[in-house]
Amino acid sequence: MSNAISVELAEFLVSAADESSGEIGIDASYSGRCMYGQTCLGLTFENIQSAFGLFESLRYFGSANFVNLTHELADFLAGCSKDGYGYGVILYNTSKSWPAEVLLPKD
């Protein structure tokens, strides 16, 4: 069973995806090779360098929990696997899920 990321990190990711003009996406039910139907949280990027831009964006998110969010984002990314995803890449963490309280951005 996977653990949901915090609501605040999810809200930041929605904000980052909305502001990225399509460079960043959220796949709350990614199921890749050898996952046998298991789903998890994945973040899609046009290129892998865009993933590191999330830390810069986090500085401007305006959260009083900046340090905690930075650690949570780093922990999420450290536990990720990478796969090709159409024209970009997906970083997915099989131990993380999307919190039900946060709506995903519209495509």
N, C-alpha and C. Protein backbone atom coordinates (compact mmCIF):
# COMPACT_ATOMS: atom_id res chain seq x y z
N MET A 1 0.85 -1.18 0.00
CA MET A 1 0.00 0.00 0.00
C MET A 1 0.89 1.23 0.00
N SER A 2 0.53 2.20 -0.78
CA SER A 2 1.35 3.40 -0.87
C SER A 2 0.84 4.49 0.06
N ASN A 3 1.71 5.42 0.37
CA ASN A 3 1.39 6.54 1.24
C ASN A 3 1.16 7.78 0.39
N ALA A 4 0.13 8.52 0.70
CA ALA A 4 -0.16 9.74 -0.04
C ALA A 4 0.85 10.82 0.33
N ILE A 5 1.23 11.62 -0.66
CA ILE A 5 2.05 12.79 -0.37
C ILE A 5 1.18 13.78 0.39
N SER A 6 1.79 14.76 1.02
CA SER A 6 1.02 15.73 1.80
C SER A 6 0.13 16.57 0.89
N VAL A 7 -0.95 17.06 1.44
CA VAL A 7 -1.86 17.93 0.69
C VAL A 7 -1.11 19.17 0.21
N GLU A 8 -0.25 19.72 1.05
CA GLU A 8 0.48 20.93 0.65
C GLU A 8 1.44 20.67 -0.50
N LEU A 9 2.13 19.53 -0.51
CA LEU A 9 3.00 19.21 -1.65
C LEU A 9 2.16 19.00 -2.90
N ALA A 10 1.02 18.34 -2.77
CA ALA A 10 0.14 18.13 -3.91
C ALA A 10 -0.34 19.47 -4.48
N GLU A 11 -0.71 20.40 -3.60
CA GLU A 11 -1.15 21.72 -4.06
C GLU A 11 -0.02 22.46 -4.77
N PHE A 12 1.20 22.31 -4.27
CA PHE A 12 2.35 22.91 -4.95
C PHE A 12 2.53 22.29 -6.34
N LEU A 13 2.44 20.97 -6.45
CA LEU A 13 2.62 20.31 -7.75
C LEU A 13 1.55 20.73 -8.74
N VAL A 14 0.32 20.90 -8.28
CA VAL A 14 -0.75 21.40 -9.16
C VAL A 14 -0.40 22.80 -9.65
N SER A 15 0.06 23.65 -8.75
CA SER A 15 0.45 25.01 -9.12
C SER A 15 1.60 24.99 -10.12
N ALA A 16 2.61 24.16 -9.87
CA ALA A 16 3.76 24.06 -10.77
C ALA A 16 3.34 23.55 -12.14
N ALA A 17 2.46 22.55 -12.17
CA ALA A 17 1.98 22.02 -13.45
C ALA A 17 1.18 23.07 -14.21
N ASP A 18 0.33 23.81 -13.50
CA ASP A 18 -0.47 24.86 -14.15
C ASP A 18 0.41 25.96 -14.75
N GLU A 19 1.49 26.29 -14.08
CA GLU A 19 2.36 27.37 -14.52
C GLU A 19 3.43 26.93 -15.53
N SER A 20 3.54 25.64 -15.78
CA SER A 20 4.64 25.12 -16.60
C SER A 20 4.37 25.08 -18.10
N SER A 21 3.20 25.45 -18.53
CA SER A 21 2.84 25.40 -19.96
C SER A 21 3.06 24.01 -20.56
N GLY A 22 2.72 22.99 -19.79
CA GLY A 22 2.80 21.64 -20.30
C GLY A 22 4.12 20.93 -20.08
N GLU A 23 5.11 21.59 -19.51
CA GLU A 23 6.40 20.93 -19.26
C GLU A 23 6.34 19.93 -18.12
N ILE A 24 5.41 20.15 -17.18
CA ILE A 24 5.27 19.28 -16.02
C ILE A 24 3.84 18.76 -15.98
N GLY A 25 3.69 17.48 -15.73
CA GLY A 25 2.37 16.89 -15.60
C GLY A 25 2.31 15.95 -14.41
N ILE A 26 1.12 15.60 -14.02
CA ILE A 26 0.90 14.72 -12.88
C ILE A 26 0.09 13.52 -13.35
N ASP A 27 0.59 12.33 -13.08
CA ASP A 27 -0.14 11.10 -13.38
C ASP A 27 -0.37 10.39 -12.04
N ALA A 28 -1.57 10.53 -11.51
CA ALA A 28 -1.89 9.99 -10.19
C ALA A 28 -2.11 8.49 -10.20
N SER A 29 -2.18 7.89 -11.38
CA SER A 29 -2.42 6.44 -11.44
C SER A 29 -1.50 5.78 -12.47
N TYR A 30 -0.23 6.11 -12.41
CA TYR A 30 0.74 5.53 -13.34
C TYR A 30 0.92 4.05 -13.05
N SER A 31 0.96 3.27 -14.09
CA SER A 31 1.24 1.84 -13.99
C SER A 31 2.16 1.48 -15.14
N GLY A 32 3.40 1.22 -14.83
CA GLY A 32 4.40 0.96 -15.85
C GLY A 32 4.76 -0.50 -15.96
N ARG A 33 5.85 -0.73 -16.68
CA ARG A 33 6.34 -2.09 -16.88
C ARG A 33 6.61 -2.77 -15.55
N CYS A 34 6.28 -4.02 -15.49
CA CYS A 34 6.52 -4.88 -14.32
C CYS A 34 5.84 -4.39 -13.04
N MET A 35 4.80 -3.57 -13.18
CA MET A 35 4.06 -3.13 -12.00
C MET A 35 2.81 -3.97 -11.78
N TYR A 36 2.45 -4.79 -12.76
CA TYR A 36 1.37 -5.77 -12.65
C TYR A 36 0.06 -5.16 -12.14
N GLY A 37 -0.28 -4.01 -12.69
CA GLY A 37 -1.54 -3.37 -12.35
C GLY A 37 -1.49 -2.44 -11.15
N GLN A 38 -0.40 -2.47 -10.40
CA GLN A 38 -0.25 -1.54 -9.27
C GLN A 38 -0.12 -0.12 -9.85
N THR A 39 -0.71 0.84 -9.18
CA THR A 39 -0.59 2.23 -9.63
C THR A 39 0.12 3.05 -8.56
N CYS A 40 0.69 4.16 -9.01
CA CYS A 40 1.40 5.04 -8.10
C CYS A 40 1.41 6.45 -8.68
N LEU A 41 2.00 7.36 -7.94
CA LEU A 41 2.12 8.74 -8.38
C LEU A 41 3.33 8.90 -9.29
N GLY A 42 3.12 9.55 -10.42
CA GLY A 42 4.21 9.84 -11.34
C GLY A 42 4.15 11.30 -11.76
N LEU A 43 5.30 11.88 -11.98
CA LEU A 43 5.40 13.25 -12.49
C LEU A 43 6.03 13.19 -13.86
N THR A 44 5.38 13.82 -14.83
CA THR A 44 5.89 13.80 -16.20
C THR A 44 6.60 15.12 -16.50
N PHE A 45 7.65 15.01 -17.31
CA PHE A 45 8.46 16.17 -17.67
C PHE A 45 8.86 16.06 -19.14
N GLU A 46 9.01 17.23 -19.78
CA GLU A 46 9.51 17.23 -21.15
C GLU A 46 10.94 16.70 -21.18
N ASN A 47 11.72 17.03 -20.16
CA ASN A 47 13.08 16.52 -20.03
C ASN A 47 13.41 16.41 -18.55
N ILE A 48 14.39 15.60 -18.23
CA ILE A 48 14.72 15.31 -16.83
C ILE A 48 15.16 16.56 -16.07
N GLN A 49 15.76 17.52 -16.74
CA GLN A 49 16.21 18.74 -16.07
C GLN A 49 15.05 19.53 -15.47
N SER A 50 13.88 19.41 -16.05
CA SER A 50 12.70 20.11 -15.53
C SER A 50 12.36 19.67 -14.12
N ALA A 51 12.70 18.43 -13.76
CA ALA A 51 12.42 17.94 -12.42
C ALA A 51 13.16 18.77 -11.38
N PHE A 52 14.37 19.17 -11.68
CA PHE A 52 15.15 19.95 -10.72
C PHE A 52 14.62 21.37 -10.60
N GLY A 53 13.94 21.85 -11.62
CA GLY A 53 13.31 23.16 -11.57
C GLY A 53 12.20 23.24 -10.53
N LEU A 54 11.67 22.09 -10.11
CA LEU A 54 10.63 22.10 -9.08
C LEU A 54 11.15 22.72 -7.78
N PHE A 55 12.42 22.49 -7.47
CA PHE A 55 12.98 23.05 -6.24
C PHE A 55 13.03 24.57 -6.31
N GLU A 56 13.37 25.10 -7.47
CA GLU A 56 13.38 26.56 -7.65
C GLU A 56 11.96 27.11 -7.53
N SER A 57 11.00 26.45 -8.14
CA SER A 57 9.61 26.89 -8.06
C SER A 57 9.09 26.85 -6.63
N LEU A 58 9.55 25.87 -5.87
CA LEU A 58 9.11 25.73 -4.48
C LEU A 58 9.49 26.95 -3.64
N ARG A 59 10.61 27.57 -3.99
CA ARG A 59 11.04 28.77 -3.26
C ARG A 59 10.00 29.88 -3.35
N TYR A 60 9.26 29.94 -4.45
CA TYR A 60 8.30 31.02 -4.68
C TYR A 60 6.86 30.62 -4.38
N PHE A 61 6.66 29.43 -3.86
CA PHE A 61 5.31 28.94 -3.59
C PHE A 61 4.68 29.65 -2.41
N GLY A 62 5.48 30.20 -1.54
CA GLY A 62 4.95 30.98 -0.42
C GLY A 62 4.48 30.15 0.75
N SER A 63 5.12 29.04 1.00
CA SER A 63 4.71 28.18 2.11
C SER A 63 5.57 28.44 3.34
N ALA A 64 4.93 28.46 4.49
CA ALA A 64 5.66 28.55 5.75
C ALA A 64 6.41 27.24 6.02
N ASN A 65 6.02 26.19 5.34
CA ASN A 65 6.65 24.87 5.49
C ASN A 65 7.67 24.59 4.41
N PHE A 66 8.35 25.62 3.94
CA PHE A 66 9.30 25.47 2.82
C PHE A 66 10.30 24.34 3.07
N VAL A 67 10.91 24.31 4.25
CA VAL A 67 11.93 23.30 4.54
C VAL A 67 11.32 21.90 4.50
N ASN A 68 10.17 21.72 5.13
CA ASN A 68 9.52 20.40 5.14
C ASN A 68 9.12 19.97 3.73
N LEU A 69 8.58 20.90 2.95
CA LEU A 69 8.19 20.56 1.57
C LEU A 69 9.39 20.20 0.72
N THR A 70 10.50 20.92 0.94
CA THR A 70 11.73 20.62 0.20
C THR A 70 12.19 19.20 0.51
N HIS A 71 12.15 18.82 1.78
CA HIS A 71 12.55 17.47 2.17
C HIS A 71 11.58 16.42 1.60
N GLU A 72 10.29 16.73 1.64
CA GLU A 72 9.31 15.77 1.12
C GLU A 72 9.48 15.58 -0.39
N LEU A 73 9.71 16.68 -1.11
CA LEU A 73 9.93 16.58 -2.55
C LEU A 73 11.21 15.80 -2.84
N ALA A 74 12.27 16.08 -2.09
CA ALA A 74 13.53 15.36 -2.28
C ALA A 74 13.36 13.87 -2.00
N ASP A 75 12.61 13.53 -0.94
CA ASP A 75 12.36 12.13 -0.62
C ASP A 75 11.56 11.45 -1.73
N PHE A 76 10.56 12.16 -2.26
CA PHE A 76 9.76 11.60 -3.36
C PHE A 76 10.67 11.29 -4.55
N LEU A 77 11.47 12.27 -4.95
CA LEU A 77 12.33 12.11 -6.13
C LEU A 77 13.41 11.06 -5.90
N ALA A 78 13.95 10.99 -4.68
CA ALA A 78 15.00 10.01 -4.38
C ALA A 78 14.48 8.58 -4.51
N GLY A 79 13.20 8.38 -4.26
CA GLY A 79 12.61 7.04 -4.36
C GLY A 79 12.04 6.73 -5.73
N CYS A 80 12.27 7.59 -6.69
CA CYS A 80 11.65 7.45 -8.02
C CYS A 80 12.44 6.52 -8.94
N SER A 81 11.71 5.94 -9.85
CA SER A 81 12.26 5.27 -11.02
C SER A 81 11.91 6.13 -12.22
N LYS A 82 12.63 5.94 -13.32
CA LYS A 82 12.42 6.77 -14.52
C LYS A 82 12.04 5.87 -15.68
N ASP A 83 11.16 6.39 -16.52
CA ASP A 83 10.76 5.66 -17.72
C ASP A 83 10.47 6.66 -18.82
N GLY A 84 10.55 6.21 -20.07
CA GLY A 84 10.13 7.04 -21.19
C GLY A 84 8.63 7.19 -21.15
N TYR A 85 8.14 8.34 -21.58
CA TYR A 85 6.70 8.62 -21.49
C TYR A 85 6.32 9.49 -22.67
N GLY A 86 5.99 8.86 -23.77
CA GLY A 86 5.65 9.64 -24.96
C GLY A 86 6.85 10.45 -25.43
N TYR A 87 6.72 11.76 -25.37
CA TYR A 87 7.80 12.63 -25.82
C TYR A 87 8.68 13.11 -24.67
N GLY A 88 8.50 12.59 -23.47
CA GLY A 88 9.28 13.04 -22.33
C GLY A 88 9.63 11.88 -21.41
N VAL A 89 9.73 12.19 -20.14
CA VAL A 89 10.06 11.18 -19.14
C VAL A 89 9.04 11.24 -18.01
N ILE A 90 8.93 10.14 -17.30
CA ILE A 90 8.11 10.12 -16.09
C ILE A 90 9.00 9.62 -14.95
N LEU A 91 8.91 10.32 -13.84
CA LEU A 91 9.53 9.88 -12.60
C LEU A 91 8.39 9.40 -11.72
N TYR A 92 8.45 8.14 -11.33
CA TYR A 92 7.35 7.57 -10.55
C TYR A 92 7.90 6.90 -9.30
N ASN A 93 7.10 6.99 -8.25
CA ASN A 93 7.50 6.44 -6.95
C ASN A 93 6.42 5.45 -6.52
N THR A 94 6.76 4.17 -6.53
CA THR A 94 5.76 3.14 -6.25
C THR A 94 5.27 3.14 -4.81
N SER A 95 5.92 3.90 -3.93
CA SER A 95 5.46 3.94 -2.55
C SER A 95 4.64 5.19 -2.25
N LYS A 96 4.33 5.99 -3.29
CA LYS A 96 3.59 7.24 -3.07
C LYS A 96 2.33 7.28 -3.92
N SER A 97 1.32 7.95 -3.37
CA SER A 97 0.06 8.13 -4.09
C SER A 97 -0.39 9.58 -3.96
N TRP A 98 -1.42 9.91 -4.70
CA TRP A 98 -1.98 11.27 -4.71
C TRP A 98 -3.04 11.37 -3.61
N PRO A 99 -3.05 12.46 -2.85
CA PRO A 99 -4.08 12.61 -1.81
C PRO A 99 -5.46 12.86 -2.43
N ALA A 100 -6.46 12.17 -1.94
CA ALA A 100 -7.81 12.28 -2.48
C ALA A 100 -8.39 13.68 -2.32
N GLU A 101 -7.89 14.45 -1.35
CA GLU A 101 -8.44 15.79 -1.07
C GLU A 101 -8.07 16.83 -2.12
N VAL A 102 -7.09 16.53 -2.97
CA VAL A 102 -6.59 17.52 -3.93
C VAL A 102 -6.98 17.11 -5.34
N LEU A 103 -7.65 18.03 -6.04
CA LEU A 103 -8.04 17.77 -7.43
C LEU A 103 -6.83 17.90 -8.34
N LEU A 104 -6.77 17.01 -9.32
CA LEU A 104 -5.71 17.07 -10.31
C LEU A 104 -5.98 18.23 -11.28
N PRO A 105 -4.91 18.78 -11.85
CA PRO A 105 -5.12 19.86 -12.83
C PRO A 105 -5.79 19.32 -14.08
N LYS A 106 -6.52 20.17 -14.74
CA LYS A 106 -7.17 19.80 -16.02
C LYS A 106 -6.11 19.79 -17.10
N ASP A 107 -6.25 18.87 -18.06
CA ASP A 107 -5.31 18.81 -19.19
C ASP A 107 -5.49 19.97 -20.11
